[in-house]
Every structure is written in C-alpha cells, then in structure tokens.
Amino acid sequence: MSEVWNTKDGPRRVRRDPPTLEDAVLAARGLTDDVDSQVEIITSLMRVSAEAARTAVRKMAHRKEPDHVTIAGRGGASRAVVVERRPSRRVAMTPTAGAGYRGRE
C-alpha cells in the first residue's frame, strides 16, 4: 500500500505495511510466556481464529531467539569512543578598581 502526499517539494509516497501475524506473535511473546495468553493476545490484535493463532505460536516457538545483540564496528572490530575536553577560549573578565568595583569594604 502506498499513499501520496503533496508537499512543497512535490508529491511524496508513503509506504504503509499492515502488521503481519508474525508481528503479533512476537508482540505476544514479549508480553507473556503462557501460550494460551499469547493466543488470546494474537486473536485480539489480528482478528484471526484461535487455531490459526495457536499454529503461528507453535511455528514461531521453534525459532531461536538471540540472547543478546552486539553491534560491531567496521570489519567486526570493536569501536572505541574517546571524549576529550577542550578548554574554553573565553577570556575571564576580572573587575578592576576603576570600573566601579568597590571590592569588600
């Protein structure tokens, strides 16, 4: 599906993909570990039969989920972040006696 918007730069198309049954299963798996609760969540989200939802849950249960996500740098090497503090270039203005500064009295 696509939708056309007229902008100041000309027409722009916006692609809209409706959610899939797989998306609903992943959402339900993120909310609960109970299969019956997952089926109930899926049927409320996608308006599919309970049997179709249960089949999708069983099919997705055999997929292996990664335990963690690693973001590697270029070439698989890890990246380092270096933070350096640069001194300010502003000149500190000190009050002088002739500029109306009285100091401590």
C-alpha atoms as a PDB file:
ATOM      1  CA  MET A   1       0.000   0.000   0.000  1.00  0.00           C
ATOM      2  CA  SER A   2       1.182   3.499  -0.634  1.00  0.00           C
ATOM      3  CA  GLU A   3      -0.262   6.902  -0.034  1.00  0.00           C
ATOM      4  CA  VAL A   4       0.649  10.088  -1.913  1.00  0.00           C
ATOM      5  CA  TRP A   5       1.174  13.363  -0.072  1.00  0.00           C
ATOM      6  CA  ASN A   6       1.652  16.658  -1.832  1.00  0.00           C
ATOM      7  CA  THR A   7       4.421  18.645  -0.164  1.00  0.00           C
ATOM      8  CA  LYS A   8       6.185  21.871  -1.039  1.00  0.00           C
ATOM      9  CA  ASP A   9       8.892  19.781  -2.727  1.00  0.00           C
ATOM     10  CA  GLY A  10       6.394  17.801  -4.790  1.00  0.00           C
ATOM     11  CA  PRO A  11       4.424  14.595  -4.306  1.00  0.00           C
ATOM     12  CA  ARG A  12       5.808  12.052  -1.829  1.00  0.00           C
ATOM     13  CA  ARG A  13       4.741   8.458  -1.466  1.00  0.00           C
ATOM     14  CA  VAL A  14       4.479   6.931   1.985  1.00  0.00           C
ATOM     15  CA  ARG A  15       4.578   3.168   2.215  1.00  0.00           C
ATOM     16  CA  ARG A  16       2.311   1.601   4.794  1.00  0.00           C
ATOM     17  CA  ASP A  17       2.611  -2.100   5.527  1.00  0.00           C
ATOM     18  CA  PRO A  18      -0.104  -3.599   7.704  1.00  0.00           C
ATOM     19  CA  PRO A  19       1.143  -5.717  10.618  1.00  0.00           C
ATOM     20  CA  THR A  20       1.558  -9.422   9.967  1.00  0.00           C
ATOM     21  CA  LEU A  21       0.631 -12.428  12.058  1.00  0.00           C
ATOM     22  CA  GLU A  22       4.336 -12.871  12.795  1.00  0.00           C
ATOM     23  CA  ASP A  23       4.457  -9.353  14.253  1.00  0.00           C
ATOM     24  CA  ALA A  24       1.527 -10.186  16.527  1.00  0.00           C
ATOM     25  CA  VAL A  25       3.213 -13.410  17.685  1.00  0.00           C
ATOM     26  CA  LEU A  26       6.430 -11.556  18.531  1.00  0.00           C
ATOM     27  CA  ALA A  27       4.457  -8.932  20.445  1.00  0.00           C
ATOM     28  CA  ALA A  28       2.563 -11.590  22.387  1.00  0.00           C
ATOM     29  CA  ARG A  29       5.757 -13.481  23.176  1.00  0.00           C
ATOM     30  CA  GLY A  30       7.230 -10.259  24.557  1.00  0.00           C
ATOM     31  CA  LEU A  31       4.262  -9.790  26.883  1.00  0.00           C
ATOM     32  CA  THR A  32       3.841 -13.275  28.320  1.00  0.00           C
ATOM     33  CA  ASP A  33       5.296 -16.783  28.309  1.00  0.00           C
ATOM     34  CA  ASP A  34       1.922 -18.525  28.648  1.00  0.00           C
ATOM     35  CA  VAL A  35       0.813 -19.959  25.270  1.00  0.00           C
ATOM     36  CA  ASP A  36      -2.908 -19.539  25.967  1.00  0.00           C
ATOM     37  CA  SER A  37      -2.399 -15.886  26.859  1.00  0.00           C
ATOM     38  CA  GLN A  38      -0.338 -15.406  23.705  1.00  0.00           C
ATOM     39  CA  VAL A  39      -3.134 -16.891  21.603  1.00  0.00           C
ATOM     40  CA  GLU A  40      -5.643 -14.562  23.262  1.00  0.00           C
ATOM     41  CA  ILE A  41      -3.449 -11.517  22.599  1.00  0.00           C
ATOM     42  CA  ILE A  42      -2.939 -12.515  18.961  1.00  0.00           C
ATOM     43  CA  THR A  43      -6.647 -13.046  18.339  1.00  0.00           C
ATOM     44  CA  SER A  44      -7.429  -9.630  19.799  1.00  0.00           C
ATOM     45  CA  LEU A  45      -4.731  -7.919  17.716  1.00  0.00           C
ATOM     46  CA  MET A  46      -5.208  -9.640  14.359  1.00  0.00           C
ATOM     47  CA  ARG A  47      -8.799 -10.874  14.440  1.00  0.00           C
ATOM     48  CA  VAL A  48      -7.811 -14.398  13.420  1.00  0.00           C
ATOM     49  CA  SER A  49      -9.155 -17.686  14.721  1.00  0.00           C
ATOM     50  CA  ALA A  50      -7.666 -19.185  17.870  1.00  0.00           C
ATOM     51  CA  GLU A  51      -6.477 -22.210  15.899  1.00  0.00           C
ATOM     52  CA  ALA A  52      -4.598 -20.048  13.377  1.00  0.00           C
ATOM     53  CA  ALA A  53      -3.022 -18.102  16.233  1.00  0.00           C
ATOM     54  CA  ARG A  54      -2.032 -21.298  18.056  1.00  0.00           C
ATOM     55  CA  THR A  55      -0.451 -22.672  14.862  1.00  0.00           C
ATOM     56  CA  ALA A  56       1.522 -19.458  14.397  1.00  0.00           C
ATOM     57  CA  VAL A  57       2.731 -19.578  18.012  1.00  0.00           C
ATOM     58  CA  ARG A  58       3.885 -23.193  17.590  1.00  0.00           C
ATOM     59  CA  LYS A  59       5.669 -22.357  14.341  1.00  0.00           C
ATOM     60  CA  MET A  60       7.439 -19.368  15.888  1.00  0.00           C
ATOM     61  CA  ALA A  61       8.366 -21.325  19.040  1.00  0.00           C
ATOM     62  CA  HIS A  62      10.915 -23.342  17.100  1.00  0.00           C
ATOM     63  CA  ARG A  63      12.847 -20.252  16.055  1.00  0.00           C
ATOM     64  CA  LYS A  64      15.900 -19.469  18.105  1.00  0.00           C
ATOM     65  CA  GLU A  65      15.978 -16.013  19.660  1.00  0.00           C
ATOM     66  CA  PRO A  66      19.308 -14.315  20.245  1.00  0.00           C
ATOM     67  CA  ASP A  67      20.185 -13.824  23.903  1.00  0.00           C
ATOM     68  CA  HIS A  68      21.854 -10.517  23.219  1.00  0.00           C
ATOM     69  CA  VAL A  69      22.528  -8.102  20.407  1.00  0.00           C
ATOM     70  CA  THR A  70      26.054  -6.994  19.545  1.00  0.00           C
ATOM     71  CA  ILE A  71      26.796  -4.030  17.352  1.00  0.00           C
ATOM     72  CA  ALA A  72      30.189  -4.424  15.734  1.00  0.00           C
ATOM     73  CA  GLY A  73      32.260  -1.738  14.136  1.00  0.00           C
ATOM     74  CA  ARG A  74      33.853  -1.866  10.720  1.00  0.00           C
ATOM     75  CA  GLY A  75      35.330  -5.201   9.849  1.00  0.00           C
ATOM     76  CA  GLY A  76      33.974  -6.771  13.021  1.00  0.00           C
ATOM     77  CA  ALA A  77      36.411  -4.863  15.242  1.00  0.00           C
ATOM     78  CA  SER A  78      35.108  -3.206  18.358  1.00  0.00           C
ATOM     79  CA  ARG A  79      34.838   0.561  18.373  1.00  0.00           C
ATOM     80  CA  ALA A  80      36.363   2.880  20.926  1.00  0.00           C
ATOM     81  CA  VAL A  81      34.863   6.173  21.995  1.00  0.00           C
ATOM     82  CA  VAL A  82      37.246   8.925  23.044  1.00  0.00           C
ATOM     83  CA  VAL A  83      35.923  12.017  24.793  1.00  0.00           C
ATOM     84  CA  GLU A  84      38.267  14.957  25.121  1.00  0.00           C
ATOM     85  CA  ARG A  85      37.598  18.150  26.993  1.00  0.00           C
ATOM     86  CA  ARG A  86      38.639  21.292  25.192  1.00  0.00           C
ATOM     87  CA  PRO A  87      39.394  24.304  27.334  1.00  0.00           C
ATOM     88  CA  SER A  88      37.230  27.345  26.848  1.00  0.00           C
ATOM     89  CA  ARG A  89      38.681  30.155  24.741  1.00  0.00           C
ATOM     90  CA  ARG A  90      36.715  32.825  26.542  1.00  0.00           C
ATOM     91  CA  VAL A  91      38.739  35.351  28.466  1.00  0.00           C
ATOM     92  CA  ALA A  92      37.652  35.671  32.056  1.00  0.00           C
ATOM     93  CA  MET A  93      36.768  39.281  32.800  1.00  0.00           C
ATOM     94  CA  THR A  94      38.023  40.339  36.188  1.00  0.00           C
ATOM     95  CA  PRO A  95      36.620  43.501  37.671  1.00  0.00           C
ATOM     96  CA  THR A  96      39.059  46.394  38.070  1.00  0.00           C
ATOM     97  CA  ALA A  97      39.100  49.084  40.718  1.00  0.00           C
ATOM     98  CA  GLY A  98      38.475  51.854  38.200  1.00  0.00           C
ATOM     99  CA  ALA A  99      35.336  50.240  36.738  1.00  0.00           C
ATOM    100  CA  GLY A 100      33.105  50.907  39.678  1.00  0.00           C
ATOM    101  CA  TYR A 101      34.161  47.827  41.602  1.00  0.00           C
ATOM    102  CA  ARG A 102      34.447  48.544  45.295  1.00  0.00           C
ATOM    103  CA  GLY A 103      35.561  45.164  46.490  1.00  0.00           C
ATOM    104  CA  ARG A 104      34.988  44.184  50.077  1.00  0.00           C
ATOM    105  CA  GLU A 105      34.534  47.008  52.477  1.00  0.00           C
END
